[in-house]
Amino acid sequence: MLIQISALAFQQNLDEMLNQVQHRQDHVLICKNGRPLAALVDMRLYERICRKRSRFDALSGRLAAGFAGLPMAEGEAEIEAATRYQRASP
């Protein structure tokens, strides 16, 4: 469950928020002046996010290396064509 809380209320209820994240796998969205500022999630989800980001960064690096010698317009056209192809696949 997603819990939205102000930064001040979060400070005042830190222990309770930690318990909810740890034991109930809730997610806490911390807001300041009504705008999202940060999120508190359990370690398992955080580790999963880190692994996915690492894979994304590696893939981005390989793509950048693969398109390095290609003019920008040609690279963008290749990416758009691949995107269209993937979206059209069932």
PDB file of N, CA and C in Angstrom:
ATOM      1  N   MET A   1       0.842  -1.169   0.000  1.00  0.00           N
ATOM      2  CA  MET A   1       0.000   0.000   0.000  1.00  0.00           C
ATOM      3  C   MET A   1       0.893   1.240   0.000  1.00  0.00           C
ATOM      4  N   LEU A   2       0.451   2.250  -0.702  1.00  0.00           N
ATOM      5  CA  LEU A   2       1.190   3.510  -0.762  1.00  0.00           C
ATOM      6  C   LEU A   2       0.641   4.460   0.295  1.00  0.00           C
ATOM      7  N   ILE A   3       1.535   4.956   1.123  1.00  0.00           N
ATOM      8  CA  ILE A   3       1.183   5.932   2.149  1.00  0.00           C
ATOM      9  C   ILE A   3       1.823   7.251   1.760  1.00  0.00           C
ATOM     10  N   GLN A   4       1.035   8.300   1.696  1.00  0.00           N
ATOM     11  CA  GLN A   4       1.569   9.628   1.398  1.00  0.00           C
ATOM     12  C   GLN A   4       1.563  10.423   2.691  1.00  0.00           C
ATOM     13  N   ILE A   5       2.697  11.059   2.987  1.00  0.00           N
ATOM     14  CA  ILE A   5       2.836  11.754   4.264  1.00  0.00           C
ATOM     15  C   ILE A   5       3.720  12.992   4.076  1.00  0.00           C
ATOM     16  N   SER A   6       3.462  14.005   4.866  1.00  0.00           N
ATOM     17  CA  SER A   6       4.294  15.208   4.794  1.00  0.00           C
ATOM     18  C   SER A   6       5.646  14.924   5.449  1.00  0.00           C
ATOM     19  N   ALA A   7       6.641  15.693   5.072  1.00  0.00           N
ATOM     20  CA  ALA A   7       7.980  15.511   5.628  1.00  0.00           C
ATOM     21  C   ALA A   7       7.964  15.691   7.148  1.00  0.00           C
ATOM     22  N   LEU A   8       7.210  16.661   7.628  1.00  0.00           N
ATOM     23  CA  LEU A   8       7.129  16.893   9.070  1.00  0.00           C
ATOM     24  C   LEU A   8       6.482  15.710   9.778  1.00  0.00           C
ATOM     25  N   ALA A   9       5.367  15.216   9.258  1.00  0.00           N
ATOM     26  CA  ALA A   9       4.701  14.063   9.863  1.00  0.00           C
ATOM     27  C   ALA A   9       5.594  12.828   9.783  1.00  0.00           C
ATOM     28  N   PHE A  10       6.356  12.711   8.701  1.00  0.00           N
ATOM     29  CA  PHE A  10       7.280  11.589   8.572  1.00  0.00           C
ATOM     30  C   PHE A  10       8.326  11.638   9.685  1.00  0.00           C
ATOM     31  N   GLN A  11       8.890  12.828   9.936  1.00  0.00           N
ATOM     32  CA  GLN A  11       9.879  12.972  11.007  1.00  0.00           C
ATOM     33  C   GLN A  11       9.277  12.583  12.353  1.00  0.00           C
ATOM     34  N   GLN A  12       8.047  12.972  12.573  1.00  0.00           N
ATOM     35  CA  GLN A  12       7.396  12.706  13.856  1.00  0.00           C
ATOM     36  C   GLN A  12       7.004  11.239  14.019  1.00  0.00           C
ATOM     37  N   ASN A  13       6.842  10.523  12.900  1.00  0.00           N
ATOM     38  CA  ASN A  13       6.381   9.134  12.940  1.00  0.00           C
ATOM     39  C   ASN A  13       7.372   8.172  12.285  1.00  0.00           C
ATOM     40  N   LEU A  14       8.640   8.506  12.340  1.00  0.00           N
ATOM     41  CA  LEU A  14       9.659   7.721  11.654  1.00  0.00           C
ATOM     42  C   LEU A  14       9.617   6.243  12.036  1.00  0.00           C
ATOM     43  N   ASP A  15       9.569   5.951  13.312  1.00  0.00           N
ATOM     44  CA  ASP A  15       9.589   4.556  13.759  1.00  0.00           C
ATOM     45  C   ASP A  15       8.387   3.784  13.204  1.00  0.00           C
ATOM     46  N   GLU A  16       7.231   4.393  13.235  1.00  0.00           N
ATOM     47  CA  GLU A  16       6.020   3.751  12.710  1.00  0.00           C
ATOM     48  C   GLU A  16       6.140   3.524  11.201  1.00  0.00           C
ATOM     49  N   MET A  17       6.652   4.512  10.500  1.00  0.00           N
ATOM     50  CA  MET A  17       6.814   4.378   9.045  1.00  0.00           C
ATOM     51  C   MET A  17       7.801   3.255   8.711  1.00  0.00           C
ATOM     52  N   LEU A  18       8.900   3.176   9.450  1.00  0.00           N
ATOM     53  CA  LEU A  18       9.868   2.103   9.228  1.00  0.00           C
ATOM     54  C   LEU A  18       9.232   0.734   9.453  1.00  0.00           C
ATOM     55  N   ASN A  19       8.425   0.609  10.498  1.00  0.00           N
ATOM     56  CA  ASN A  19       7.743  -0.655  10.775  1.00  0.00           C
ATOM     57  C   ASN A  19       6.782  -1.023   9.651  1.00  0.00           C
ATOM     58  N   GLN A  20       6.047  -0.052   9.140  1.00  0.00           N
ATOM     59  CA  GLN A  20       5.102  -0.337   8.067  1.00  0.00           C
ATOM     60  C   GLN A  20       5.827  -0.799   6.807  1.00  0.00           C
ATOM     61  N   VAL A  21       6.945  -0.193   6.519  1.00  0.00           N
ATOM     62  CA  VAL A  21       7.716  -0.586   5.334  1.00  0.00           C
ATOM     63  C   VAL A  21       8.340  -1.963   5.547  1.00  0.00           C
ATOM     64  N   GLN A  22       8.909  -2.195   6.714  1.00  0.00           N
ATOM     65  CA  GLN A  22       9.593  -3.448   6.983  1.00  0.00           C
ATOM     66  C   GLN A  22       8.634  -4.632   7.088  1.00  0.00           C
ATOM     67  N   HIS A  23       7.545  -4.474   7.808  1.00  0.00           N
ATOM     68  CA  HIS A  23       6.678  -5.614   8.101  1.00  0.00           C
ATOM     69  C   HIS A  23       5.502  -5.767   7.144  1.00  0.00           C
ATOM     70  N   ARG A  24       5.027  -4.668   6.587  1.00  0.00           N
ATOM     71  CA  ARG A  24       3.858  -4.746   5.701  1.00  0.00           C
ATOM     72  C   ARG A  24       4.212  -4.492   4.246  1.00  0.00           C
ATOM     73  N   GLN A  25       5.477  -4.206   3.971  1.00  0.00           N
ATOM     74  CA  GLN A  25       5.954  -3.880   2.631  1.00  0.00           C
ATOM     75  C   GLN A  25       5.181  -2.705   2.021  1.00  0.00           C
ATOM     76  N   ASP A  26       4.748  -1.780   2.884  1.00  0.00           N
ATOM     77  CA  ASP A  26       4.129  -0.551   2.399  1.00  0.00           C
ATOM     78  C   ASP A  26       5.210   0.322   1.775  1.00  0.00           C
ATOM     79  N   HIS A  27       4.795   1.295   0.996  1.00  0.00           N
ATOM     80  CA  HIS A  27       5.691   2.277   0.405  1.00  0.00           C
ATOM     81  C   HIS A  27       5.250   3.632   0.933  1.00  0.00           C
ATOM     82  N   VAL A  28       6.199   4.452   1.335  1.00  0.00           N
ATOM     83  CA  VAL A  28       5.889   5.757   1.906  1.00  0.00           C
ATOM     84  C   VAL A  28       6.386   6.839   0.959  1.00  0.00           C
ATOM     85  N   LEU A  29       5.473   7.680   0.506  1.00  0.00           N
ATOM     86  CA  LEU A  29       5.813   8.820  -0.342  1.00  0.00           C
ATOM     87  C   LEU A  29       5.862  10.045   0.555  1.00  0.00           C
ATOM     88  N   ILE A  30       7.041  10.620   0.681  1.00  0.00           N
ATOM     89  CA  ILE A  30       7.259  11.758   1.572  1.00  0.00           C
ATOM     90  C   ILE A  30       7.152  13.039   0.746  1.00  0.00           C
ATOM     91  N   CYS A  31       6.249  13.926   1.168  1.00  0.00           N
ATOM     92  CA  CYS A  31       5.989  15.155   0.410  1.00  0.00           C
ATOM     93  C   CYS A  31       6.378  16.380   1.232  1.00  0.00           C
ATOM     94  N   LYS A  32       6.748  17.420   0.517  1.00  0.00           N
ATOM     95  CA  LYS A  32       7.042  18.704   1.146  1.00  0.00           C
ATOM     96  C   LYS A  32       6.319  19.761   0.331  1.00  0.00           C
ATOM     97  N   ASN A  33       5.536  20.555   0.996  1.00  0.00           N
ATOM     98  CA  ASN A  33       4.704  21.560   0.335  1.00  0.00           C
ATOM     99  C   ASN A  33       3.806  20.925  -0.727  1.00  0.00           C
ATOM    100  N   GLY A  34       3.321  19.713  -0.434  1.00  0.00           N
ATOM    101  CA  GLY A  34       2.410  19.021  -1.336  1.00  0.00           C
ATOM    102  C   GLY A  34       3.062  18.351  -2.528  1.00  0.00           C
ATOM    103  N   ARG A  35       4.381  18.432  -2.636  1.00  0.00           N
ATOM    104  CA  ARG A  35       5.091  17.838  -3.775  1.00  0.00           C
ATOM    105  C   ARG A  35       5.931  16.655  -3.314  1.00  0.00           C
ATOM    106  N   PRO A  36       5.935  15.551  -4.079  1.00  0.00           N
ATOM    107  CA  PRO A  36       6.755  14.393  -3.715  1.00  0.00           C
ATOM    108  C   PRO A  36       8.222  14.771  -3.608  1.00  0.00           C
ATOM    109  N   LEU A  37       8.854  14.322  -2.535  1.00  0.00           N
ATOM    110  CA  LEU A  37      10.249  14.654  -2.257  1.00  0.00           C
ATOM    111  C   LEU A  37      11.122  13.403  -2.265  1.00  0.00           C
ATOM    112  N   ALA A  38      10.613  12.328  -1.661  1.00  0.00           N
ATOM    113  CA  ALA A  38      11.382  11.087  -1.537  1.00  0.00           C
ATOM    114  C   ALA A  38      10.409   9.946  -1.280  1.00  0.00           C
ATOM    115  N   ALA A  39      10.951   8.731  -1.349  1.00  0.00           N
ATOM    116  CA  ALA A  39      10.134   7.556  -1.077  1.00  0.00           C
ATOM    117  C   ALA A  39      10.907   6.626  -0.156  1.00  0.00           C
ATOM    118  N   LEU A  40      10.187   5.939   0.691  1.00  0.00           N
ATOM    119  CA  LEU A  40      10.768   4.938   1.575  1.00  0.00           C
ATOM    120  C   LEU A  40      10.175   3.595   1.171  1.00  0.00           C
ATOM    121  N   VAL A  41      11.062   2.659   0.783  1.00  0.00           N
ATOM    122  CA  VAL A  41      10.623   1.332   0.356  1.00  0.00           C
ATOM    123  C   VAL A  41      11.447   0.292   1.099  1.00  0.00           C
ATOM    124  N   ASP A  42      10.954  -0.961   1.108  1.00  0.00           N
ATOM    125  CA  ASP A  42      11.692  -2.009   1.810  1.00  0.00           C
ATOM    126  C   ASP A  42      12.965  -2.367   1.031  1.00  0.00           C
ATOM    127  N   MET A  43      13.916  -2.986   1.704  1.00  0.00           N
ATOM    128  CA  MET A  43      15.223  -3.275   1.116  1.00  0.00           C
ATOM    129  C   MET A  43      15.118  -4.185  -0.102  1.00  0.00           C
ATOM    130  N   ARG A  44      14.199  -5.153  -0.071  1.00  0.00           N
ATOM    131  CA  ARG A  44      14.074  -6.073  -1.199  1.00  0.00           C
ATOM    132  C   ARG A  44      13.716  -5.315  -2.483  1.00  0.00           C
ATOM    133  N   LEU A  45      12.785  -4.387  -2.381  1.00  0.00           N
ATOM    134  CA  LEU A  45      12.404  -3.584  -3.546  1.00  0.00           C
ATOM    135  C   LEU A  45      13.550  -2.663  -3.950  1.00  0.00           C
ATOM    136  N   TYR A  46      14.203  -2.059  -2.981  1.00  0.00           N
ATOM    137  CA  TYR A  46      15.331  -1.174  -3.283  1.00  0.00           C
ATOM    138  C   TYR A  46      16.438  -1.924  -4.032  1.00  0.00           C
ATOM    139  N   GLU A  47      16.763  -3.133  -3.575  1.00  0.00           N
ATOM    140  CA  GLU A  47      17.791  -3.935  -4.238  1.00  0.00           C
ATOM    141  C   GLU A  47      17.368  -4.300  -5.656  1.00  0.00           C
ATOM    142  N   ARG A  48      16.092  -4.592  -5.845  1.00  0.00           N
ATOM    143  CA  ARG A  48      15.571  -4.899  -7.182  1.00  0.00           C
ATOM    144  C   ARG A  48      15.696  -3.680  -8.105  1.00  0.00           C
ATOM    145  N   ILE A  49      15.357  -2.513  -7.584  1.00  0.00           N
ATOM    146  CA  ILE A  49      15.493  -1.269  -8.354  1.00  0.00           C
ATOM    147  C   ILE A  49      16.952  -1.057  -8.754  1.00  0.00           C
ATOM    148  N   CYS A  50      17.869  -1.280  -7.826  1.00  0.00           N
ATOM    149  CA  CYS A  50      19.295  -1.103  -8.113  1.00  0.00           C
ATOM    150  C   CYS A  50      19.769  -2.068  -9.195  1.00  0.00           C
ATOM    151  N   ARG A  51      19.323  -3.331  -9.125  1.00  0.00           N
ATOM    152  CA  ARG A  51      19.712  -4.305 -10.155  1.00  0.00           C
ATOM    153  C   ARG A  51      19.186  -3.887 -11.517  1.00  0.00           C
ATOM    154  N   LYS A  52      17.940  -3.458 -11.567  1.00  0.00           N
ATOM    155  CA  LYS A  52      17.349  -3.038 -12.843  1.00  0.00           C
ATOM    156  C   LYS A  52      18.066  -1.804 -13.389  1.00  0.00           C
ATOM    157  N   ARG A  53      18.400  -0.883 -12.513  1.00  0.00           N
ATOM    158  CA  ARG A  53      19.116   0.310 -12.971  1.00  0.00           C
ATOM    159  C   ARG A  53      20.493  -0.056 -13.506  1.00  0.00           C
ATOM    160  N   SER A  54      21.150  -0.983 -12.845  1.00  0.00           N
ATOM    161  CA  SER A  54      22.462  -1.425 -13.300  1.00  0.00           C
ATOM    162  C   SER A  54      22.356  -2.070 -14.683  1.00  0.00           C
ATOM    163  N   ARG A  55      21.338  -2.907 -14.882  1.00  0.00           N
ATOM    164  CA  ARG A  55      21.132  -3.530 -16.206  1.00  0.00           C
ATOM    165  C   ARG A  55      20.813  -2.473 -17.254  1.00  0.00           C
ATOM    166  N   PHE A  56      19.986  -1.502 -16.883  1.00  0.00           N
ATOM    167  CA  PHE A  56      19.634  -0.427 -17.804  1.00  0.00           C
ATOM    168  C   PHE A  56      20.871   0.374 -18.199  1.00  0.00           C
ATOM    169  N   ASP A  57      21.706   0.710 -17.218  1.00  0.00           N
ATOM    170  CA  ASP A  57      22.929   1.458 -17.501  1.00  0.00           C
ATOM    171  C   ASP A  57      23.859   0.675 -18.426  1.00  0.00           C
ATOM    172  N   ALA A  58      23.968  -0.638 -18.197  1.00  0.00           N
ATOM    173  CA  ALA A  58      24.814  -1.470 -19.053  1.00  0.00           C
ATOM    174  C   ALA A  58      24.261  -1.505 -20.475  1.00  0.00           C
ATOM    175  N   LEU A  59      22.964  -1.668 -20.598  1.00  0.00           N
ATOM    176  CA  LEU A  59      22.341  -1.687 -21.921  1.00  0.00           C
ATOM    177  C   LEU A  59      22.509  -0.344 -22.618  1.00  0.00           C
ATOM    178  N   SER A  60      22.319   0.734 -21.886  1.00  0.00           N
ATOM    179  CA  SER A  60      22.501   2.073 -22.462  1.00  0.00           C
ATOM    180  C   SER A  60      23.930   2.258 -22.963  1.00  0.00           C
ATOM    181  N   GLY A  61      24.892   1.763 -22.214  1.00  0.00           N
ATOM    182  CA  GLY A  61      26.287   1.861 -22.626  1.00  0.00           C
ATOM    183  C   GLY A  61      26.562   1.080 -23.899  1.00  0.00           C
ATOM    184  N   ARG A  62      25.995  -0.132 -23.982  1.00  0.00           N
ATOM    185  CA  ARG A  62      26.187  -0.937 -25.195  1.00  0.00           C
ATOM    186  C   ARG A  62      25.522  -0.279 -26.399  1.00  0.00           C
ATOM    187  N   LEU A  63      24.332   0.283 -26.192  1.00  0.00           N
ATOM    188  CA  LEU A  63      23.653   0.978 -27.286  1.00  0.00           C
ATOM    189  C   LEU A  63      24.462   2.198 -27.733  1.00  0.00           C
ATOM    190  N   ALA A  64      24.959   2.955 -26.780  1.00  0.00           N
ATOM    191  CA  ALA A  64      25.754   4.145 -27.121  1.00  0.00           C
ATOM    192  C   ALA A  64      26.992   3.751 -27.909  1.00  0.00           C
ATOM    193  N   ALA A  65      27.647   2.676 -27.498  1.00  0.00           N
ATOM    194  CA  ALA A  65      28.842   2.218 -28.219  1.00  0.00           C
ATOM    195  C   ALA A  65      28.477   1.742 -29.620  1.00  0.00           C
ATOM    196  N   GLY A  66      27.341   1.064 -29.729  1.00  0.00           N
ATOM    197  CA  GLY A  66      26.915   0.554 -31.023  1.00  0.00           C
ATOM    198  C   GLY A  66      26.533   1.642 -32.008  1.00  0.00           C
ATOM    199  N   PHE A  67      26.029   2.736 -31.507  1.00  0.00           N
ATOM    200  CA  PHE A  67      25.593   3.840 -32.368  1.00  0.00           C
ATOM    201  C   PHE A  67      26.621   4.974 -32.434  1.00  0.00           C
ATOM    202  N   ALA A  68      27.784   4.791 -31.837  1.00  0.00           N
ATOM    203  CA  ALA A  68      28.770   5.867 -31.710  1.00  0.00           C
ATOM    204  C   ALA A  68      29.193   6.473 -33.047  1.00  0.00           C
ATOM    205  N   GLY A  69      29.394   5.662 -34.068  1.00  0.00           N
ATOM    206  CA  GLY A  69      29.862   6.191 -35.340  1.00  0.00           C
ATOM    207  C   GLY A  69      28.759   6.626 -36.283  1.00  0.00           C
ATOM    208  N   LEU A  70      27.518   6.502 -35.854  1.00  0.00           N
ATOM    209  CA  LEU A  70      26.370   6.799 -36.700  1.00  0.00           C
ATOM    210  C   LEU A  70      25.926   8.245 -36.512  1.00  0.00           C
ATOM    211  N   PRO A  71      25.601   8.942 -37.595  1.00  0.00           N
ATOM    212  CA  PRO A  71      25.062  10.292 -37.436  1.00  0.00           C
ATOM    213  C   PRO A  71      23.784  10.272 -36.587  1.00  0.00           C
ATOM    214  N   MET A  72      23.542  11.318 -35.836  1.00  0.00           N
ATOM    215  CA  MET A  72      22.426  11.395 -34.901  1.00  0.00           C
ATOM    216  C   MET A  72      21.090  11.055 -35.566  1.00  0.00           C
ATOM    217  N   ALA A  73      20.814  11.625 -36.724  1.00  0.00           N
ATOM    218  CA  ALA A  73      19.525  11.404 -37.397  1.00  0.00           C
ATOM    219  C   ALA A  73      19.334   9.931 -37.754  1.00  0.00           C
ATOM    220  N   GLU A  74      20.398   9.271 -38.201  1.00  0.00           N
ATOM    221  CA  GLU A  74      20.292   7.852 -38.547  1.00  0.00           C
ATOM    222  C   GLU A  74      20.066   7.004 -37.299  1.00  0.00           C
ATOM    223  N   GLY A  75      20.750   7.330 -36.229  1.00  0.00           N
ATOM    224  CA  GLY A  75      20.572   6.602 -34.968  1.00  0.00           C
ATOM    225  C   GLY A  75      19.154   6.746 -34.444  1.00  0.00           C
ATOM    226  N   GLU A  76      18.630   7.965 -34.481  1.00  0.00           N
ATOM    227  CA  GLU A  76      17.256   8.193 -34.022  1.00  0.00           C
ATOM    228  C   GLU A  76      16.260   7.447 -34.895  1.00  0.00           C
ATOM    229  N   ALA A  77      16.502   7.396 -36.208  1.00  0.00           N
ATOM    230  CA  ALA A  77      15.617   6.666 -37.115  1.00  0.00           C
ATOM    231  C   ALA A  77      15.649   5.172 -36.805  1.00  0.00           C
ATOM    232  N   GLU A  78      16.813   4.624 -36.506  1.00  0.00           N
ATOM    233  CA  GLU A  78      16.934   3.210 -36.135  1.00  0.00           C
ATOM    234  C   GLU A  78      16.159   2.910 -34.859  1.00  0.00           C
ATOM    235  N   ILE A  79      16.295   3.785 -33.886  1.00  0.00           N
ATOM    236  CA  ILE A  79      15.609   3.598 -32.603  1.00  0.00           C
ATOM    237  C   ILE A  79      14.095   3.684 -32.801  1.00  0.00           C
ATOM    238  N   GLU A  80      13.629   4.638 -33.564  1.00  0.00           N
ATOM    239  CA  GLU A  80      12.193   4.770 -33.832  1.00  0.00           C
ATOM    240  C   GLU A  80      11.658   3.546 -34.561  1.00  0.00           C
ATOM    241  N   ALA A  81      12.400   3.033 -35.525  1.00  0.00           N
ATOM    242  CA  ALA A  81      11.969   1.845 -36.261  1.00  0.00           C
ATOM    243  C   ALA A  81      11.883   0.634 -35.330  1.00  0.00           C
ATOM    244  N   ALA A  82      12.869   0.468 -34.464  1.00  0.00           N
ATOM    245  CA  ALA A  82      12.854  -0.648 -33.515  1.00  0.00           C
ATOM    246  C   ALA A  82      11.695  -0.516 -32.542  1.00  0.00           C
ATOM    247  N   THR A  83      11.412   0.709 -32.107  1.00  0.00           N
ATOM    248  CA  THR A  83      10.303   0.948 -31.191  1.00  0.00           C
ATOM    249  C   THR A  83       8.976   0.613 -31.865  1.00  0.00           C
ATOM    250  N   ARG A  84       8.793   1.055 -33.099  1.00  0.00           N
ATOM    251  CA  ARG A  84       7.557   0.751 -33.833  1.00  0.00           C
ATOM    252  C   ARG A  84       7.392  -0.768 -33.996  1.00  0.00           C
ATOM    253  N   TYR A  85       8.489  -1.447 -34.334  1.00  0.00           N
ATOM    254  CA  TYR A  85       8.449  -2.888 -34.523  1.00  0.00           C
ATOM    255  C   TYR A  85       8.022  -3.593 -33.238  1.00  0.00           C
ATOM    256  N   GLN A  86       8.608  -3.200 -32.117  1.00  0.00           N
ATOM    257  CA  GLN A  86       8.285  -3.830 -30.833  1.00  0.00           C
ATOM    258  C   GLN A  86       6.842  -3.565 -30.412  1.00  0.00           C
ATOM    259  N   ARG A  87       6.362  -2.367 -30.648  1.00  0.00           N
ATOM    260  CA  ARG A  87       4.987  -2.031 -30.269  1.00  0.00           C
ATOM    261  C   ARG A  87       3.965  -2.744 -31.148  1.00  0.00           C
ATOM    262  N   ALA A  88       4.339  -3.070 -32.376  1.00  0.00           N
ATOM    263  CA  ALA A  88       3.436  -3.763 -33.285  1.00  0.00           C
ATOM    264  C   ALA A  88       3.395  -5.264 -33.021  1.00  0.00           C
ATOM    265  N   SER A  89       4.421  -5.805 -32.358  1.00  0.00           N
ATOM    266  CA  SER A  89       4.477  -7.250 -32.070  1.00  0.00           C
ATOM    267  C   SER A  89       3.443  -7.617 -31.012  1.00  0.00           C
ATOM    268  N   PRO A  90       2.788  -8.782 -31.209  1.00  0.00           N
ATOM    269  CA  PRO A  90       1.775  -9.209 -30.217  1.00  0.00           C
ATOM    270  C   PRO A  90       2.352  -9.617 -28.898  1.00  0.00           C
TER     271      PRO A  90
END
